[in-house]
């Protein structure tokens, strides 16, 4: 004889919210930074536009009273970031790469405008993520297919990431499945 278990709507809502929030945070990235002038003072209410033409995404925000901005929940990809404010030159950063679960910092230093100019900043994202203490890397599909994996266990891919630590190889940890909970990244 089976008993019906009834969950209160509050508990059920919290469980669903926990899974949705966890899944959402693992597939997006965040872009943040500060906008300052030539003297290092914060530029307030500057318009920051983030675009990914391949995905058809465009988001706009403004800097706060401290000159900082934040654009959360962006899908991974290559973005351009444009900053505009009255009396300053427009700046554009191309090729800003956002990867899964990363916080990318893109700061801008605006110059006082003499004429209408656009300054383009091209460069790669920094190797070190200064906003969190996590180590991570996106491993592309070709690497996953070409690399010899012992037993094709996905956890072994974590060993490709710089900064990972391999657990001790003794009698207690002799297979990939036994290491899954003990791999420190």
N, C-alpha and C. Protein backbone atom coordinates (compact mmCIF):
# COMPACT_ATOMS: atom_id res chain seq x y z
N UNK A 1 0.84 -1.17 0.00
CA UNK A 1 0.00 0.00 0.00
C UNK A 1 0.89 1.25 0.00
N UNK A 2 0.71 2.09 -0.98
CA UNK A 2 1.52 3.29 -1.12
C UNK A 2 0.79 4.48 -0.52
N UNK A 3 1.54 5.30 0.19
CA UNK A 3 0.99 6.52 0.75
C UNK A 3 1.32 7.69 -0.16
N UNK A 4 0.42 8.60 -0.27
CA UNK A 4 0.67 9.82 -1.01
C UNK A 4 1.42 10.79 -0.11
N UNK A 5 2.46 11.38 -0.66
CA UNK A 5 3.22 12.37 0.09
C UNK A 5 2.86 13.74 -0.48
N UNK A 6 2.42 14.62 0.38
CA UNK A 6 2.02 15.95 -0.06
C UNK A 6 3.07 16.96 0.36
N UNK A 7 3.51 17.74 -0.60
CA UNK A 7 4.45 18.82 -0.33
C UNK A 7 3.68 20.13 -0.27
N UNK A 8 4.08 20.97 0.63
CA UNK A 8 3.44 22.28 0.67
C UNK A 8 3.90 23.07 -0.55
N UNK A 9 3.09 23.96 -1.05
CA UNK A 9 3.48 24.77 -2.22
C UNK A 9 4.77 25.56 -1.99
N UNK A 10 5.02 25.99 -0.76
CA UNK A 10 6.23 26.75 -0.46
C UNK A 10 7.47 25.88 -0.63
N UNK A 11 7.44 24.68 -0.09
CA UNK A 11 8.60 23.78 -0.20
C UNK A 11 8.82 23.39 -1.65
N UNK A 12 7.76 23.08 -2.37
CA UNK A 12 7.88 22.72 -3.78
C UNK A 12 8.45 23.88 -4.59
N UNK A 13 8.01 25.09 -4.31
CA UNK A 13 8.53 26.28 -5.02
C UNK A 13 10.00 26.48 -4.74
N UNK A 14 10.42 26.30 -3.49
CA UNK A 14 11.83 26.46 -3.15
C UNK A 14 12.70 25.43 -3.84
N UNK A 15 12.24 24.19 -3.93
CA UNK A 15 13.00 23.14 -4.61
C UNK A 15 13.15 23.46 -6.08
N UNK A 16 12.07 23.85 -6.74
CA UNK A 16 12.13 24.20 -8.16
C UNK A 16 13.03 25.41 -8.38
N UNK A 17 12.91 26.42 -7.54
CA UNK A 17 13.73 27.63 -7.66
C UNK A 17 15.21 27.31 -7.49
N UNK A 18 15.53 26.41 -6.59
CA UNK A 18 16.93 26.03 -6.35
C UNK A 18 17.53 25.39 -7.60
N UNK A 19 16.79 24.49 -8.25
CA UNK A 19 17.31 23.83 -9.44
C UNK A 19 17.39 24.79 -10.62
N UNK A 20 16.41 25.65 -10.79
CA UNK A 20 16.42 26.61 -11.89
C UNK A 20 17.58 27.59 -11.73
N UNK A 21 17.78 28.12 -10.53
CA UNK A 21 18.86 29.08 -10.31
C UNK A 21 20.21 28.42 -10.51
N UNK A 22 20.37 27.20 -10.08
CA UNK A 22 21.64 26.50 -10.24
C UNK A 22 21.94 26.22 -11.71
N UNK A 23 20.95 25.78 -12.46
CA UNK A 23 21.15 25.50 -13.88
C UNK A 23 21.43 26.78 -14.64
N UNK A 24 20.76 27.87 -14.30
CA UNK A 24 20.94 29.14 -15.00
C UNK A 24 22.33 29.71 -14.76
N UNK A 25 22.84 29.59 -13.55
CA UNK A 25 24.13 30.19 -13.24
C UNK A 25 25.28 29.45 -13.89
N UNK A 26 25.09 28.23 -14.31
CA UNK A 26 26.18 27.46 -14.88
C UNK A 26 26.32 27.66 -16.38
N UNK A 27 25.37 28.28 -17.04
CA UNK A 27 25.45 28.40 -18.48
C UNK A 27 25.61 29.83 -18.96
N UNK A 28 25.84 30.76 -18.07
CA UNK A 28 25.98 32.16 -18.47
C UNK A 28 27.26 32.75 -17.91
N UNK A 29 27.54 33.95 -18.33
CA UNK A 29 28.71 34.68 -17.85
C UNK A 29 28.28 36.10 -17.48
N UNK A 30 29.20 36.82 -16.83
CA UNK A 30 28.89 38.19 -16.41
C UNK A 30 30.02 39.11 -16.88
N UNK A 31 29.64 40.28 -17.38
CA UNK A 31 30.59 41.31 -17.78
C UNK A 31 30.45 42.47 -16.81
N UNK A 32 31.58 42.92 -16.28
CA UNK A 32 31.54 44.03 -15.34
C UNK A 32 32.80 44.86 -15.49
N UNK A 33 32.78 46.05 -14.89
CA UNK A 33 33.95 46.91 -14.96
C UNK A 33 33.63 48.30 -14.46
N UNK A 34 34.59 49.20 -14.64
CA UNK A 34 34.41 50.58 -14.24
C UNK A 34 34.74 51.51 -15.41
N UNK A 35 34.13 52.68 -15.38
CA UNK A 35 34.39 53.70 -16.40
C UNK A 35 34.87 54.93 -15.65
N UNK A 36 36.08 55.38 -16.01
CA UNK A 36 36.68 56.55 -15.37
C UNK A 36 37.08 57.56 -16.43
N UNK A 37 37.37 58.80 -15.98
CA UNK A 37 37.89 59.81 -16.90
C UNK A 37 39.41 59.83 -16.81
N UNK A 38 40.04 60.82 -17.46
CA UNK A 38 41.51 60.89 -17.50
C UNK A 38 42.13 61.07 -16.13
N UNK A 39 41.40 61.69 -15.22
CA UNK A 39 41.96 61.92 -13.88
C UNK A 39 41.71 60.74 -12.94
N UNK A 40 40.97 59.73 -13.41
CA UNK A 40 40.67 58.57 -12.57
C UNK A 40 39.36 58.67 -11.83
N UNK A 41 38.62 59.76 -12.03
CA UNK A 41 37.33 59.93 -11.37
C UNK A 41 36.26 59.11 -12.09
N UNK A 42 35.27 58.65 -11.35
CA UNK A 42 34.19 57.83 -11.90
C UNK A 42 33.35 58.64 -12.88
N UNK A 43 32.98 58.02 -13.99
CA UNK A 43 32.07 58.63 -14.95
C UNK A 43 30.68 58.07 -14.65
N UNK A 44 29.79 58.92 -14.18
CA UNK A 44 28.46 58.52 -13.75
C UNK A 44 27.50 58.56 -14.94
N UNK A 45 26.61 57.60 -15.01
CA UNK A 45 25.54 57.50 -16.02
C UNK A 45 26.06 57.38 -17.45
N UNK A 46 27.22 56.78 -17.62
CA UNK A 46 27.71 56.50 -18.97
C UNK A 46 26.90 55.33 -19.53
N UNK A 47 26.59 55.39 -20.81
CA UNK A 47 25.82 54.34 -21.46
C UNK A 47 26.78 53.23 -21.91
N UNK A 48 26.54 52.00 -21.44
CA UNK A 48 27.36 50.84 -21.79
C UNK A 48 26.49 49.89 -22.62
N UNK A 49 26.91 49.62 -23.85
CA UNK A 49 26.17 48.74 -24.75
C UNK A 49 27.01 47.51 -25.06
N UNK A 50 26.45 46.32 -24.79
CA UNK A 50 27.12 45.05 -25.01
C UNK A 50 26.41 44.35 -26.15
N UNK A 51 27.18 43.96 -27.20
CA UNK A 51 26.57 43.33 -28.38
C UNK A 51 27.29 42.03 -28.74
N UNK A 52 26.50 41.06 -29.16
CA UNK A 52 27.01 39.83 -29.76
C UNK A 52 26.21 39.65 -31.03
N UNK A 53 26.81 40.01 -32.16
CA UNK A 53 26.08 39.97 -33.42
C UNK A 53 25.79 38.53 -33.86
N UNK A 54 26.66 37.58 -33.52
CA UNK A 54 26.43 36.19 -33.90
C UNK A 54 25.18 35.62 -33.24
N UNK A 55 24.92 36.01 -32.00
CA UNK A 55 23.75 35.52 -31.27
C UNK A 55 22.57 36.48 -31.35
N UNK A 56 22.80 37.68 -31.88
CA UNK A 56 21.74 38.68 -31.98
C UNK A 56 21.35 39.27 -30.63
N UNK A 57 22.35 39.44 -29.77
CA UNK A 57 22.10 39.96 -28.42
C UNK A 57 22.64 41.37 -28.31
N UNK A 58 21.84 42.26 -27.71
CA UNK A 58 22.30 43.61 -27.40
C UNK A 58 21.69 44.01 -26.06
N UNK A 59 22.55 44.37 -25.12
CA UNK A 59 22.08 44.81 -23.80
C UNK A 59 22.70 46.16 -23.50
N UNK A 60 21.93 47.01 -22.86
CA UNK A 60 22.39 48.35 -22.51
C UNK A 60 22.19 48.58 -21.02
N UNK A 61 23.17 49.23 -20.40
CA UNK A 61 23.08 49.60 -19.00
C UNK A 61 23.78 50.93 -18.80
N UNK A 62 23.72 51.47 -17.60
CA UNK A 62 24.41 52.71 -17.27
C UNK A 62 25.31 52.49 -16.08
N UNK A 63 26.36 53.30 -16.01
CA UNK A 63 27.27 53.20 -14.88
C UNK A 63 26.62 53.81 -13.63
N UNK A 64 27.01 53.29 -12.48
CA UNK A 64 26.46 53.75 -11.20
C UNK A 64 27.19 55.01 -10.74
N UNK A 65 26.91 55.43 -9.52
CA UNK A 65 27.56 56.62 -8.95
C UNK A 65 29.04 56.39 -8.69
N UNK A 66 29.48 55.13 -8.68
CA UNK A 66 30.90 54.83 -8.52
C UNK A 66 31.59 54.55 -9.85
N UNK A 67 30.85 54.68 -10.95
CA UNK A 67 31.41 54.45 -12.27
C UNK A 67 31.43 52.99 -12.68
N UNK A 68 30.84 52.13 -11.89
CA UNK A 68 30.86 50.70 -12.21
C UNK A 68 29.60 50.30 -12.97
N UNK A 69 29.75 49.21 -13.74
CA UNK A 69 28.61 48.65 -14.47
C UNK A 69 28.69 47.13 -14.36
N UNK A 70 27.56 46.49 -14.61
CA UNK A 70 27.49 45.03 -14.55
C UNK A 70 26.40 44.57 -15.50
N UNK A 71 26.73 43.59 -16.35
CA UNK A 71 25.76 42.99 -17.27
C UNK A 71 25.78 41.49 -16.99
N UNK A 72 24.82 40.99 -16.21
CA UNK A 72 24.80 39.57 -15.86
C UNK A 72 24.07 38.73 -16.90
N UNK A 73 24.17 37.42 -16.75
CA UNK A 73 23.40 36.44 -17.52
C UNK A 73 23.59 36.57 -19.03
N UNK A 74 24.84 36.67 -19.47
CA UNK A 74 25.13 36.70 -20.90
C UNK A 74 25.54 35.31 -21.36
N UNK A 75 25.01 34.84 -22.49
CA UNK A 75 25.44 33.56 -23.01
C UNK A 75 26.91 33.63 -23.44
N UNK A 76 27.63 32.52 -23.38
CA UNK A 76 29.04 32.53 -23.80
C UNK A 76 29.16 32.97 -25.26
N UNK A 77 30.24 33.68 -25.56
CA UNK A 77 30.47 34.13 -26.92
C UNK A 77 31.44 35.30 -26.96
N UNK A 78 31.58 35.88 -28.15
CA UNK A 78 32.46 37.02 -28.37
C UNK A 78 31.60 38.28 -28.47
N UNK A 79 31.94 39.27 -27.66
CA UNK A 79 31.13 40.48 -27.55
C UNK A 79 31.95 41.72 -27.89
N UNK A 80 31.22 42.79 -28.23
CA UNK A 80 31.82 44.11 -28.33
C UNK A 80 31.13 44.97 -27.27
N UNK A 81 31.92 45.83 -26.62
CA UNK A 81 31.39 46.67 -25.55
C UNK A 81 31.68 48.12 -25.92
N UNK A 82 30.62 48.95 -25.96
CA UNK A 82 30.77 50.35 -26.31
C UNK A 82 30.33 51.22 -25.14
N UNK A 83 31.14 52.26 -24.85
CA UNK A 83 30.83 53.17 -23.75
C UNK A 83 30.72 54.59 -24.33
N UNK A 84 29.61 55.25 -23.98
CA UNK A 84 29.36 56.62 -24.45
C UNK A 84 28.91 57.48 -23.29
N UNK A 85 29.35 58.74 -23.31
CA UNK A 85 28.86 59.73 -22.36
C UNK A 85 29.09 61.11 -22.97
N UNK A 86 28.18 62.01 -22.72
CA UNK A 86 28.27 63.36 -23.28
C UNK A 86 29.56 64.03 -22.83
N UNK A 87 30.28 64.62 -23.78
CA UNK A 87 31.51 65.33 -23.48
C UNK A 87 32.75 64.45 -23.49
N UNK A 88 32.58 63.14 -23.72
CA UNK A 88 33.70 62.21 -23.76
C UNK A 88 33.75 61.49 -25.10
N UNK A 89 34.93 61.01 -25.46
CA UNK A 89 35.07 60.19 -26.66
C UNK A 89 34.40 58.83 -26.42
N UNK A 90 33.79 58.31 -27.47
CA UNK A 90 33.19 56.97 -27.39
C UNK A 90 34.31 55.94 -27.46
N UNK A 91 34.24 54.91 -26.63
CA UNK A 91 35.22 53.83 -26.67
C UNK A 91 34.52 52.52 -27.00
N UNK A 92 35.22 51.68 -27.76
CA UNK A 92 34.69 50.40 -28.18
C UNK A 92 35.73 49.32 -27.94
N UNK A 93 35.36 48.28 -27.21
CA UNK A 93 36.24 47.12 -26.99
C UNK A 93 35.67 45.97 -27.80
N UNK A 94 36.45 45.47 -28.76
CA UNK A 94 36.01 44.36 -29.61
C UNK A 94 36.67 43.08 -29.13
N UNK A 95 36.03 41.97 -29.42
CA UNK A 95 36.62 40.66 -29.14
C UNK A 95 36.67 40.30 -27.67
N UNK A 96 35.72 40.77 -26.88
CA UNK A 96 35.67 40.41 -25.46
C UNK A 96 35.03 39.02 -25.37
N UNK A 97 35.80 38.04 -24.93
CA UNK A 97 35.35 36.65 -24.90
C UNK A 97 34.76 36.32 -23.53
N UNK A 98 33.52 35.85 -23.53
CA UNK A 98 32.86 35.41 -22.31
C UNK A 98 32.69 33.89 -22.39
N UNK A 99 33.17 33.20 -21.35
CA UNK A 99 33.02 31.75 -21.29
C UNK A 99 32.08 31.40 -20.14
N UNK A 100 31.62 30.18 -20.12
CA UNK A 100 30.64 29.71 -19.13
C UNK A 100 31.12 29.99 -17.71
N UNK A 101 30.26 30.57 -16.91
CA UNK A 101 30.47 30.84 -15.48
C UNK A 101 31.64 31.78 -15.18
N UNK A 102 32.06 32.58 -16.14
CA UNK A 102 33.16 33.52 -15.90
C UNK A 102 32.63 34.93 -15.65
N UNK A 103 33.38 35.67 -14.86
CA UNK A 103 33.14 37.09 -14.66
C UNK A 103 34.29 37.81 -15.35
N UNK A 104 34.00 38.50 -16.44
CA UNK A 104 35.03 39.19 -17.21
C UNK A 104 34.99 40.67 -16.86
N UNK A 105 36.15 41.22 -16.52
CA UNK A 105 36.26 42.63 -16.17
C UNK A 105 36.78 43.40 -17.38
N UNK A 106 36.03 44.40 -17.82
CA UNK A 106 36.45 45.27 -18.93
C UNK A 106 36.30 46.71 -18.46
N UNK A 107 37.42 47.33 -18.10
CA UNK A 107 37.42 48.71 -17.63
C UNK A 107 37.67 49.67 -18.79
N UNK A 108 37.18 50.89 -18.64
CA UNK A 108 37.35 51.92 -19.66
C UNK A 108 37.84 53.20 -19.02
N UNK A 109 38.73 53.90 -19.73
CA UNK A 109 39.19 55.22 -19.33
C UNK A 109 38.83 56.19 -20.44
N UNK A 110 37.82 57.02 -20.22
CA UNK A 110 37.34 57.93 -21.26
C UNK A 110 38.15 59.22 -21.28
N UNK A 111 38.37 59.72 -22.49
CA UNK A 111 39.06 61.00 -22.68
C UNK A 111 38.03 62.06 -23.04
N UNK A 112 38.32 63.31 -22.66
CA UNK A 112 37.44 64.42 -23.01
C UNK A 112 37.44 64.57 -24.52
N UNK A 113 36.26 64.73 -25.10
CA UNK A 113 36.12 64.77 -26.56
C UNK A 113 36.42 66.16 -27.11
N UNK A 114 37.26 66.20 -28.14
CA UNK A 114 37.48 67.42 -28.91
C UNK A 114 36.59 67.40 -30.14
N UNK A 115 36.57 66.26 -30.78
CA UNK A 115 35.71 66.04 -31.94
C UNK A 115 35.07 64.67 -31.75
N UNK A 116 34.25 64.29 -32.69
CA UNK A 116 33.61 62.99 -32.59
C UNK A 116 34.60 61.91 -33.03
N UNK A 117 35.10 61.15 -32.07
CA UNK A 117 36.05 60.07 -32.34
C UNK A 117 35.56 58.80 -31.66
N UNK A 118 35.94 57.69 -32.26
CA UNK A 118 35.67 56.39 -31.64
C UNK A 118 37.01 55.71 -31.43
N UNK A 119 37.31 55.33 -30.19
CA UNK A 119 38.54 54.63 -29.86
C UNK A 119 38.21 53.15 -29.77
N UNK A 120 38.92 52.32 -30.54
CA UNK A 120 38.69 50.89 -30.53
C UNK A 120 39.81 50.20 -29.77
N UNK A 121 39.43 49.40 -28.78
CA UNK A 121 40.39 48.64 -27.98
C UNK A 121 40.25 47.18 -28.38
N UNK A 122 41.32 46.59 -28.90
CA UNK A 122 41.27 45.18 -29.29
C UNK A 122 42.26 44.42 -28.44
N UNK A 123 41.82 43.31 -27.92
CA UNK A 123 42.70 42.49 -27.10
C UNK A 123 41.95 41.31 -26.54
N UNK A 124 42.71 40.40 -25.99
CA UNK A 124 42.13 39.19 -25.41
C UNK A 124 41.75 39.44 -23.96
N UNK A 125 40.86 38.61 -23.46
CA UNK A 125 40.47 38.69 -22.06
C UNK A 125 41.66 38.29 -21.18
N UNK A 126 41.74 38.83 -19.99
CA UNK A 126 42.86 38.50 -19.13
C UNK A 126 42.87 37.02 -18.75
N UNK A 127 44.06 36.47 -18.55
CA UNK A 127 44.20 35.06 -18.19
C UNK A 127 43.71 34.83 -16.77
N UNK A 128 43.91 35.80 -15.90
CA UNK A 128 43.53 35.66 -14.50
C UNK A 128 42.19 36.33 -14.27
N UNK A 129 41.27 35.60 -13.66
CA UNK A 129 39.97 36.17 -13.32
C UNK A 129 40.06 36.72 -11.91
N UNK A 130 40.01 38.03 -11.78
CA UNK A 130 40.25 38.69 -10.50
C UNK A 130 39.01 38.77 -9.60
N UNK A 131 37.85 38.40 -10.11
CA UNK A 131 36.63 38.56 -9.32
C UNK A 131 36.28 37.34 -8.48
N UNK A 132 36.79 36.16 -8.83
CA UNK A 132 36.50 34.95 -8.05
C UNK A 132 37.79 34.16 -7.85
N UNK A 133 37.71 33.14 -7.02
CA UNK A 133 38.88 32.29 -6.77
C UNK A 133 38.75 30.95 -7.48
N UNK A 134 37.96 30.88 -8.53
CA UNK A 134 37.76 29.63 -9.24
C UNK A 134 38.75 29.50 -10.39
N UNK A 135 39.02 28.26 -10.76
CA UNK A 135 39.85 27.95 -11.91
C UNK A 135 38.96 27.22 -12.89
N UNK A 136 38.93 27.66 -14.12
CA UNK A 136 38.07 27.00 -15.09
C UNK A 136 38.52 27.27 -16.50
N UNK A 137 38.04 26.44 -17.39
CA UNK A 137 38.39 26.59 -18.79
C UNK A 137 37.35 25.84 -19.61
N UNK A 138 37.04 26.33 -20.78
CA UNK A 138 36.14 25.64 -21.67
C UNK A 138 36.96 24.74 -22.58
N UNK A 139 36.61 23.47 -22.62
CA UNK A 139 37.32 22.50 -23.46
C UNK A 139 36.46 22.26 -24.68
N UNK A 140 37.02 22.52 -25.86
CA UNK A 140 36.21 22.43 -27.08
C UNK A 140 35.95 20.99 -27.48
N UNK A 141 34.98 20.83 -28.37
CA UNK A 141 34.53 19.51 -28.76
C UNK A 141 35.63 18.70 -29.44
N UNK A 142 36.44 19.33 -30.25
CA UNK A 142 37.51 18.61 -30.96
C UNK A 142 38.51 18.00 -29.98
N UNK A 143 38.86 18.75 -28.93
CA UNK A 143 39.79 18.23 -27.93
C UNK A 143 39.19 17.02 -27.24
N UNK A 144 37.91 17.09 -26.89
CA UNK A 144 37.24 15.98 -26.21
C UNK A 144 37.26 14.73 -27.09
N UNK A 145 37.05 14.90 -28.40
CA UNK A 145 37.02 13.76 -29.29
C UNK A 145 38.40 13.20 -29.58
N UNK A 146 39.43 14.05 -29.67
CA UNK A 146 40.76 13.61 -30.08
C UNK A 146 41.64 13.09 -28.95
N UNK A 147 41.41 13.53 -27.74
CA UNK A 147 42.29 13.17 -26.62
C UNK A 147 41.98 11.75 -26.14
N UNK A 148 43.01 10.96 -25.83
CA UNK A 148 42.74 9.61 -25.29
C UNK A 148 42.35 9.71 -23.82
N UNK A 149 41.13 9.32 -23.51
CA UNK A 149 40.65 9.32 -22.14
C UNK A 149 40.52 7.88 -21.66
N UNK A 150 41.06 7.57 -20.52
CA UNK A 150 40.98 6.23 -19.96
C UNK A 150 39.54 5.96 -19.56
N UNK A 151 38.86 5.12 -20.30
CA UNK A 151 37.47 4.81 -19.99
C UNK A 151 36.50 5.90 -20.41
N UNK A 152 36.97 6.92 -21.14
CA UNK A 152 36.15 8.04 -21.60
C UNK A 152 35.42 8.72 -20.46
N UNK A 153 36.08 8.85 -19.32
CA UNK A 153 35.47 9.47 -18.14
C UNK A 153 35.67 10.98 -18.21
N UNK A 154 34.58 11.75 -18.18
CA UNK A 154 34.63 13.20 -18.37
C UNK A 154 35.43 13.93 -17.30
N UNK A 155 35.54 13.39 -16.10
CA UNK A 155 36.26 14.07 -15.02
C UNK A 155 37.74 14.18 -15.36
N UNK A 156 38.27 13.25 -16.16
CA UNK A 156 39.67 13.30 -16.55
C UNK A 156 39.98 14.55 -17.39
N UNK A 157 38.96 15.16 -18.00
CA UNK A 157 39.17 16.39 -18.77
C UNK A 157 39.58 17.55 -17.86
N UNK A 158 39.19 17.51 -16.61
CA UNK A 158 39.55 18.57 -15.67
C UNK A 158 41.05 18.66 -15.50
N UNK A 159 41.76 17.57 -15.72
CA UNK A 159 43.22 17.58 -15.58
C UNK A 159 43.90 18.40 -16.67
N UNK A 160 43.18 18.77 -17.71
CA UNK A 160 43.74 19.61 -18.78
C UNK A 160 43.79 21.07 -18.38
N UNK A 161 43.07 21.45 -17.35
CA UNK A 161 42.96 22.85 -16.94
C UNK A 161 44.16 23.21 -16.06
N UNK A 162 44.88 24.28 -16.40
CA UNK A 162 46.02 24.69 -15.57
C UNK A 162 45.54 25.01 -14.15
N UNK A 163 46.29 24.53 -13.16
CA UNK A 163 45.96 24.81 -11.77
C UNK A 163 45.20 23.70 -11.09
N UNK A 164 44.84 22.64 -11.82
CA UNK A 164 44.15 21.53 -11.17
C UNK A 164 45.14 20.65 -10.43
N UNK A 165 44.65 19.96 -9.42
CA UNK A 165 45.49 19.10 -8.60
C UNK A 165 44.99 17.68 -8.73
N UNK A 166 45.89 16.75 -9.00
CA UNK A 166 45.53 15.35 -9.12
C UNK A 166 45.54 14.71 -7.73
N UNK A 167 44.51 13.95 -7.39
CA UNK A 167 44.51 13.28 -6.09
C UNK A 167 45.57 12.19 -6.04
N UNK A 168 45.96 11.76 -4.86
CA UNK A 168 47.01 10.74 -4.76
C UNK A 168 46.59 9.44 -5.42
N UNK A 169 47.54 8.78 -6.07
CA UNK A 169 47.28 7.51 -6.74
C UNK A 169 47.69 6.36 -5.83
N UNK A 170 46.83 6.01 -4.89
CA UNK A 170 47.12 4.88 -4.02
C UNK A 170 45.98 3.87 -4.14
N UNK A 171 45.93 2.90 -3.32
CA UNK A 171 44.93 1.85 -3.40
C UNK A 171 43.51 2.36 -3.26
N UNK A 172 43.32 3.52 -2.65
CA UNK A 172 41.96 4.01 -2.43
C UNK A 172 41.40 4.77 -3.63
N UNK A 173 42.26 5.32 -4.46
CA UNK A 173 41.81 6.11 -5.60
C UNK A 173 42.44 5.58 -6.88
N UNK A 174 42.04 4.42 -7.33
CA UNK A 174 42.70 3.83 -8.49
C UNK A 174 41.86 3.84 -9.75
N UNK A 175 40.68 4.43 -9.73
CA UNK A 175 39.89 4.51 -10.95
C UNK A 175 39.29 5.91 -11.07
N UNK A 176 38.92 6.24 -12.29
CA UNK A 176 38.35 7.58 -12.53
C UNK A 176 37.06 7.77 -11.75
N UNK A 177 36.22 6.73 -11.68
CA UNK A 177 34.95 6.89 -10.99
C UNK A 177 35.13 7.08 -9.49
N UNK A 178 36.21 6.55 -8.93
CA UNK A 178 36.45 6.73 -7.49
C UNK A 178 36.96 8.13 -7.20
N UNK A 179 37.55 8.82 -8.22
CA UNK A 179 38.11 10.15 -8.01
C UNK A 179 37.09 11.26 -8.19
N UNK A 180 35.93 10.98 -8.69
CA UNK A 180 35.00 12.05 -9.07
C UNK A 180 34.72 13.03 -7.95
N UNK A 181 34.57 12.59 -6.75
CA UNK A 181 34.28 13.50 -5.66
C UNK A 181 35.50 14.11 -5.03
N UNK A 182 36.69 13.67 -5.44
CA UNK A 182 37.89 14.12 -4.78
C UNK A 182 38.80 14.96 -5.65
N UNK A 183 38.44 15.17 -6.89
CA UNK A 183 39.28 15.99 -7.77
C UNK A 183 39.14 17.44 -7.35
N UNK A 184 40.23 18.08 -7.06
CA UNK A 184 40.21 19.48 -6.62
C UNK A 184 40.58 20.37 -7.78
N UNK A 185 39.71 21.29 -8.05
CA UNK A 185 39.95 22.21 -9.16
C UNK A 185 40.13 23.59 -8.60
